């Protein structure tokens, strides 16, 4: 069924544009022309986040932080094997998927740990990456409340993910 959803969305968009008398091809080309300067403009923000995450992982700080905080996460219902994933997910998508791959290879695809890891990745976002992109393109720079609330929501999502995987 999922193979039909994307084509249906495109057909709907083209029909809607045709109905509104919008030149879809010309509009697409205009948008594509804007994409290259945009990618050049946001590249420093993306590079900064990726370098910071690589340094954290290479230094072993994420492993140390995971070991120190695992009792708290265990109390909240998050298995020790997933603490590093929960800590790293707000920073990096690719690093999170690499950790997910490690979990899947270590515990198998049908294990409780693997199911929890998959749901955690599915219900959370790379908060700092999205924030870096958002602030690079808007005038909004005050994120005093937005980031802590997003981190709390990610933690609650991880707790609920593990709880649901335990029930199911």
C-alpha atoms as a PDB file:
ATOM      1  CA  UNK A   1       0.000   0.000   0.000  1.00  0.00           C
ATOM      2  CA  UNK A   2       2.841   2.416   0.783  1.00  0.00           C
ATOM      3  CA  UNK A   3       4.011   2.108  -2.816  1.00  0.00           C
ATOM      4  CA  UNK A   4       0.793   3.779  -3.918  1.00  0.00           C
ATOM      5  CA  UNK A   5       0.735   6.660  -1.442  1.00  0.00           C
ATOM      6  CA  UNK A   6       3.552   8.758  -2.914  1.00  0.00           C
ATOM      7  CA  UNK A   7       2.274   8.538  -6.507  1.00  0.00           C
ATOM      8  CA  UNK A   8      -1.218   9.422  -5.279  1.00  0.00           C
ATOM      9  CA  UNK A   9       0.145  12.483  -3.474  1.00  0.00           C
ATOM     10  CA  UNK A  10       1.911  13.618  -6.654  1.00  0.00           C
ATOM     11  CA  UNK A  11      -1.212  13.066  -8.748  1.00  0.00           C
ATOM     12  CA  UNK A  12      -3.265  15.041  -6.232  1.00  0.00           C
ATOM     13  CA  UNK A  13      -0.742  17.927  -6.242  1.00  0.00           C
ATOM     14  CA  UNK A  14      -0.645  18.044 -10.052  1.00  0.00           C
ATOM     15  CA  UNK A  15      -4.440  17.942 -10.321  1.00  0.00           C
ATOM     16  CA  UNK A  16      -4.782  20.671  -7.700  1.00  0.00           C
ATOM     17  CA  UNK A  17      -2.173  22.819  -9.486  1.00  0.00           C
ATOM     18  CA  UNK A  18      -3.930  22.262 -12.805  1.00  0.00           C
ATOM     19  CA  UNK A  19      -7.228  23.267 -11.218  1.00  0.00           C
ATOM     20  CA  UNK A  20      -5.640  26.460  -9.822  1.00  0.00           C
ATOM     21  CA  UNK A  21      -3.939  27.087 -13.200  1.00  0.00           C
ATOM     22  CA  UNK A  22      -0.415  26.909 -11.766  1.00  0.00           C
ATOM     23  CA  UNK A  23       2.445  26.060 -14.120  1.00  0.00           C
ATOM     24  CA  UNK A  24       3.847  23.119 -12.155  1.00  0.00           C
ATOM     25  CA  UNK A  25       7.003  22.595 -14.208  1.00  0.00           C
ATOM     26  CA  UNK A  26       7.984  26.282 -14.090  1.00  0.00           C
ATOM     27  CA  UNK A  27       7.266  26.429 -10.384  1.00  0.00           C
ATOM     28  CA  UNK A  28       9.385  23.319  -9.805  1.00  0.00           C
ATOM     29  CA  UNK A  29      12.299  24.845 -11.768  1.00  0.00           C
ATOM     30  CA  UNK A  30      12.087  28.086  -9.737  1.00  0.00           C
ATOM     31  CA  UNK A  31      12.203  26.086  -6.517  1.00  0.00           C
ATOM     32  CA  UNK A  32      15.139  24.008  -7.722  1.00  0.00           C
ATOM     33  CA  UNK A  33      17.074  27.170  -8.585  1.00  0.00           C
ATOM     34  CA  UNK A  34      16.609  28.398  -5.014  1.00  0.00           C
ATOM     35  CA  UNK A  35      17.824  25.083  -3.550  1.00  0.00           C
ATOM     36  CA  UNK A  36      21.495  25.479  -4.499  1.00  0.00           C
ATOM     37  CA  UNK A  37      22.075  28.845  -2.756  1.00  0.00           C
ATOM     38  CA  UNK A  38      20.063  27.560   0.195  1.00  0.00           C
ATOM     39  CA  UNK A  39      22.240  24.466   0.550  1.00  0.00           C
ATOM     40  CA  UNK A  40      25.384  26.603   0.387  1.00  0.00           C
ATOM     41  CA  UNK A  41      23.970  28.922   3.041  1.00  0.00           C
ATOM     42  CA  UNK A  42      23.042  26.176   5.509  1.00  0.00           C
ATOM     43  CA  UNK A  43      26.155  24.044   4.961  1.00  0.00           C
ATOM     44  CA  UNK A  44      28.164  25.612   7.849  1.00  0.00           C
ATOM     45  CA  UNK A  45      25.370  24.845  10.316  1.00  0.00           C
ATOM     46  CA  UNK A  46      25.111  21.238   9.183  1.00  0.00           C
ATOM     47  CA  UNK A  47      28.898  20.779   9.165  1.00  0.00           C
ATOM     48  CA  UNK A  48      29.159  22.135  12.716  1.00  0.00           C
ATOM     49  CA  UNK A  49      26.598  19.671  14.067  1.00  0.00           C
ATOM     50  CA  UNK A  50      28.193  16.727  12.230  1.00  0.00           C
ATOM     51  CA  UNK A  51      31.706  17.590  13.427  1.00  0.00           C
ATOM     52  CA  UNK A  52      30.527  18.027  17.022  1.00  0.00           C
ATOM     53  CA  UNK A  53      28.789  14.644  17.013  1.00  0.00           C
ATOM     54  CA  UNK A  54      31.790  12.921  15.425  1.00  0.00           C
ATOM     55  CA  UNK A  55      34.075  14.416  18.081  1.00  0.00           C
ATOM     56  CA  UNK A  56      31.743  13.353  20.888  1.00  0.00           C
ATOM     57  CA  UNK A  57      31.593   9.777  19.628  1.00  0.00           C
ATOM     58  CA  UNK A  58      35.330   9.544  18.846  1.00  0.00           C
ATOM     59  CA  UNK A  59      36.295  10.890  22.267  1.00  0.00           C
ATOM     60  CA  UNK A  60      34.188   8.269  24.022  1.00  0.00           C
ATOM     61  CA  UNK A  61      32.212  10.951  25.821  1.00  0.00           C
ATOM     62  CA  UNK A  62      28.893   9.546  24.635  1.00  0.00           C
ATOM     63  CA  UNK A  63      29.797   6.102  26.009  1.00  0.00           C
ATOM     64  CA  UNK A  64      30.855   7.618  29.339  1.00  0.00           C
ATOM     65  CA  UNK A  65      27.709   9.733  29.513  1.00  0.00           C
ATOM     66  CA  UNK A  66      25.604   6.678  28.665  1.00  0.00           C
ATOM     67  CA  UNK A  67      27.226   4.674  31.472  1.00  0.00           C
ATOM     68  CA  UNK A  68      26.738   7.494  33.980  1.00  0.00           C
ATOM     69  CA  UNK A  69      23.104   8.109  33.107  1.00  0.00           C
ATOM     70  CA  UNK A  70      22.013   4.505  32.529  1.00  0.00           C
ATOM     71  CA  UNK A  71      20.650   4.062  36.097  1.00  0.00           C
ATOM     72  CA  UNK A  72      18.340   7.038  35.554  1.00  0.00           C
ATOM     73  CA  UNK A  73      17.234   5.779  32.149  1.00  0.00           C
ATOM     74  CA  UNK A  74      16.736   2.254  33.539  1.00  0.00           C
ATOM     75  CA  UNK A  75      14.500   3.712  36.243  1.00  0.00           C
ATOM     76  CA  UNK A  76      12.485   5.426  33.501  1.00  0.00           C
ATOM     77  CA  UNK A  77      12.144   2.111  31.622  1.00  0.00           C
ATOM     78  CA  UNK A  78      14.752   2.619  28.900  1.00  0.00           C
ATOM     79  CA  UNK A  79      17.153  -0.339  28.570  1.00  0.00           C
ATOM     80  CA  UNK A  80      20.867   0.294  29.138  1.00  0.00           C
ATOM     81  CA  UNK A  81      21.648  -0.795  25.570  1.00  0.00           C
ATOM     82  CA  UNK A  82      19.624   2.152  24.222  1.00  0.00           C
ATOM     83  CA  UNK A  83      20.892   4.960  26.448  1.00  0.00           C
ATOM     84  CA  UNK A  84      23.530   6.080  23.931  1.00  0.00           C
ATOM     85  CA  UNK A  85      20.886   6.075  21.189  1.00  0.00           C
ATOM     86  CA  UNK A  86      18.529   8.229  23.279  1.00  0.00           C
ATOM     87  CA  UNK A  87      21.365  10.638  24.096  1.00  0.00           C
ATOM     88  CA  UNK A  88      22.650  10.878  20.518  1.00  0.00           C
ATOM     89  CA  UNK A  89      19.320  11.064  18.660  1.00  0.00           C
ATOM     90  CA  UNK A  90      18.710  14.810  19.283  1.00  0.00           C
ATOM     91  CA  UNK A  91      22.055  15.575  17.632  1.00  0.00           C
ATOM     92  CA  UNK A  92      22.396  13.305  14.624  1.00  0.00           C
ATOM     93  CA  UNK A  93      20.249  11.210  12.334  1.00  0.00           C
ATOM     94  CA  UNK A  94      23.045   9.297  10.648  1.00  0.00           C
ATOM     95  CA  UNK A  95      24.756   8.542  13.953  1.00  0.00           C
ATOM     96  CA  UNK A  96      21.447   7.315  15.342  1.00  0.00           C
ATOM     97  CA  UNK A  97      20.921   5.018  12.382  1.00  0.00           C
ATOM     98  CA  UNK A  98      24.461   3.668  12.822  1.00  0.00           C
ATOM     99  CA  UNK A  99      23.628   2.871  16.456  1.00  0.00           C
ATOM    100  CA  UNK A 100      20.348   1.291  15.333  1.00  0.00           C
ATOM    101  CA  UNK A 101      22.292  -0.881  12.910  1.00  0.00           C
ATOM    102  CA  UNK A 102      24.584  -1.991  15.748  1.00  0.00           C
ATOM    103  CA  UNK A 103      21.562  -2.830  17.909  1.00  0.00           C
ATOM    104  CA  UNK A 104      19.883  -4.793  15.123  1.00  0.00           C
ATOM    105  CA  UNK A 105      23.072  -6.770  14.421  1.00  0.00           C
ATOM    106  CA  UNK A 106      23.715  -7.447  18.109  1.00  0.00           C
ATOM    107  CA  UNK A 107      20.220  -8.362  19.293  1.00  0.00           C
ATOM    108  CA  UNK A 108      18.336  -9.384  16.150  1.00  0.00           C
ATOM    109  CA  UNK A 109      15.451  -7.614  14.477  1.00  0.00           C
ATOM    110  CA  UNK A 110      12.682  -9.172  16.582  1.00  0.00           C
ATOM    111  CA  UNK A 111      14.148  -8.571  20.035  1.00  0.00           C
ATOM    112  CA  UNK A 112      12.656  -6.198  22.582  1.00  0.00           C
ATOM    113  CA  UNK A 113      15.769  -3.985  22.432  1.00  0.00           C
ATOM    114  CA  UNK A 114      15.619  -3.716  18.637  1.00  0.00           C
ATOM    115  CA  UNK A 115      11.919  -2.930  18.591  1.00  0.00           C
ATOM    116  CA  UNK A 116      12.451  -0.217  21.196  1.00  0.00           C
ATOM    117  CA  UNK A 117      15.334   1.247  19.194  1.00  0.00           C
ATOM    118  CA  UNK A 118      13.237   1.348  16.014  1.00  0.00           C
ATOM    119  CA  UNK A 119      10.297   3.020  17.742  1.00  0.00           C
ATOM    120  CA  UNK A 120      12.583   5.526  19.484  1.00  0.00           C
ATOM    121  CA  UNK A 121      14.058   6.503  16.132  1.00  0.00           C
ATOM    122  CA  UNK A 122      10.607   6.728  14.598  1.00  0.00           C
ATOM    123  CA  UNK A 123       9.121   8.903  17.342  1.00  0.00           C
ATOM    124  CA  UNK A 124      11.989  11.338  17.800  1.00  0.00           C
ATOM    125  CA  UNK A 125      13.757  14.004  15.797  1.00  0.00           C
ATOM    126  CA  UNK A 126      17.268  15.372  15.428  1.00  0.00           C
ATOM    127  CA  UNK A 127      16.411  18.436  17.483  1.00  0.00           C
ATOM    128  CA  UNK A 128      19.690  20.316  17.233  1.00  0.00           C
ATOM    129  CA  UNK A 129      20.047  19.622  13.507  1.00  0.00           C
ATOM    130  CA  UNK A 130      16.538  20.917  12.789  1.00  0.00           C
ATOM    131  CA  UNK A 131      17.113  23.891  15.088  1.00  0.00           C
ATOM    132  CA  UNK A 132      20.351  24.758  13.283  1.00  0.00           C
ATOM    133  CA  UNK A 133      18.576  24.660   9.927  1.00  0.00           C
ATOM    134  CA  UNK A 134      15.592  26.604  11.223  1.00  0.00           C
ATOM    135  CA  UNK A 135      17.617  29.370  12.824  1.00  0.00           C
ATOM    136  CA  UNK A 136      19.860  29.654   9.760  1.00  0.00           C
ATOM    137  CA  UNK A 137      16.856  30.513   7.589  1.00  0.00           C
ATOM    138  CA  UNK A 138      14.682  32.594   9.902  1.00  0.00           C
ATOM    139  CA  UNK A 139      15.052  35.610  12.127  1.00  0.00           C
ATOM    140  CA  UNK A 140      14.034  33.540  15.149  1.00  0.00           C
ATOM    141  CA  UNK A 141      17.099  33.144  17.338  1.00  0.00           C
ATOM    142  CA  UNK A 142      15.582  32.900  20.831  1.00  0.00           C
ATOM    143  CA  UNK A 143      15.106  29.225  21.597  1.00  0.00           C
ATOM    144  CA  UNK A 144      15.219  29.393  25.381  1.00  0.00           C
ATOM    145  CA  UNK A 145      12.077  27.309  25.814  1.00  0.00           C
ATOM    146  CA  UNK A 146      11.834  25.478  22.503  1.00  0.00           C
ATOM    147  CA  UNK A 147      14.943  23.281  22.858  1.00  0.00           C
ATOM    148  CA  UNK A 148      14.333  22.121  26.460  1.00  0.00           C
ATOM    149  CA  UNK A 149      10.699  21.335  25.658  1.00  0.00           C
ATOM    150  CA  UNK A 150      11.731  19.421  22.527  1.00  0.00           C
ATOM    151  CA  UNK A 151      14.305  17.431  24.548  1.00  0.00           C
ATOM    152  CA  UNK A 152      11.713  16.621  27.223  1.00  0.00           C
ATOM    153  CA  UNK A 153       9.275  15.492  24.531  1.00  0.00           C
ATOM    154  CA  UNK A 154      11.959  13.279  22.980  1.00  0.00           C
ATOM    155  CA  UNK A 155      12.643  11.705  26.381  1.00  0.00           C
ATOM    156  CA  UNK A 156       8.940  11.134  27.025  1.00  0.00           C
ATOM    157  CA  UNK A 157       8.625   9.633  23.541  1.00  0.00           C
ATOM    158  CA  UNK A 158      11.492   7.245  24.290  1.00  0.00           C
ATOM    159  CA  UNK A 159       9.919   6.201  27.591  1.00  0.00           C
ATOM    160  CA  UNK A 160       6.537   5.601  25.962  1.00  0.00           C
ATOM    161  CA  UNK A 161       8.218   3.728  23.077  1.00  0.00           C
ATOM    162  CA  UNK A 162       9.873   1.282  25.482  1.00  0.00           C
ATOM    163  CA  UNK A 163       6.663   0.915  27.477  1.00  0.00           C
ATOM    164  CA  UNK A 164       4.636   0.141  24.358  1.00  0.00           C
ATOM    165  CA  UNK A 165       7.234  -2.335  23.101  1.00  0.00           C
ATOM    166  CA  UNK A 166       7.130  -4.086  26.473  1.00  0.00           C
ATOM    167  CA  UNK A 167       3.340  -4.358  26.316  1.00  0.00           C
ATOM    168  CA  UNK A 168       3.218  -5.498  22.688  1.00  0.00           C
END
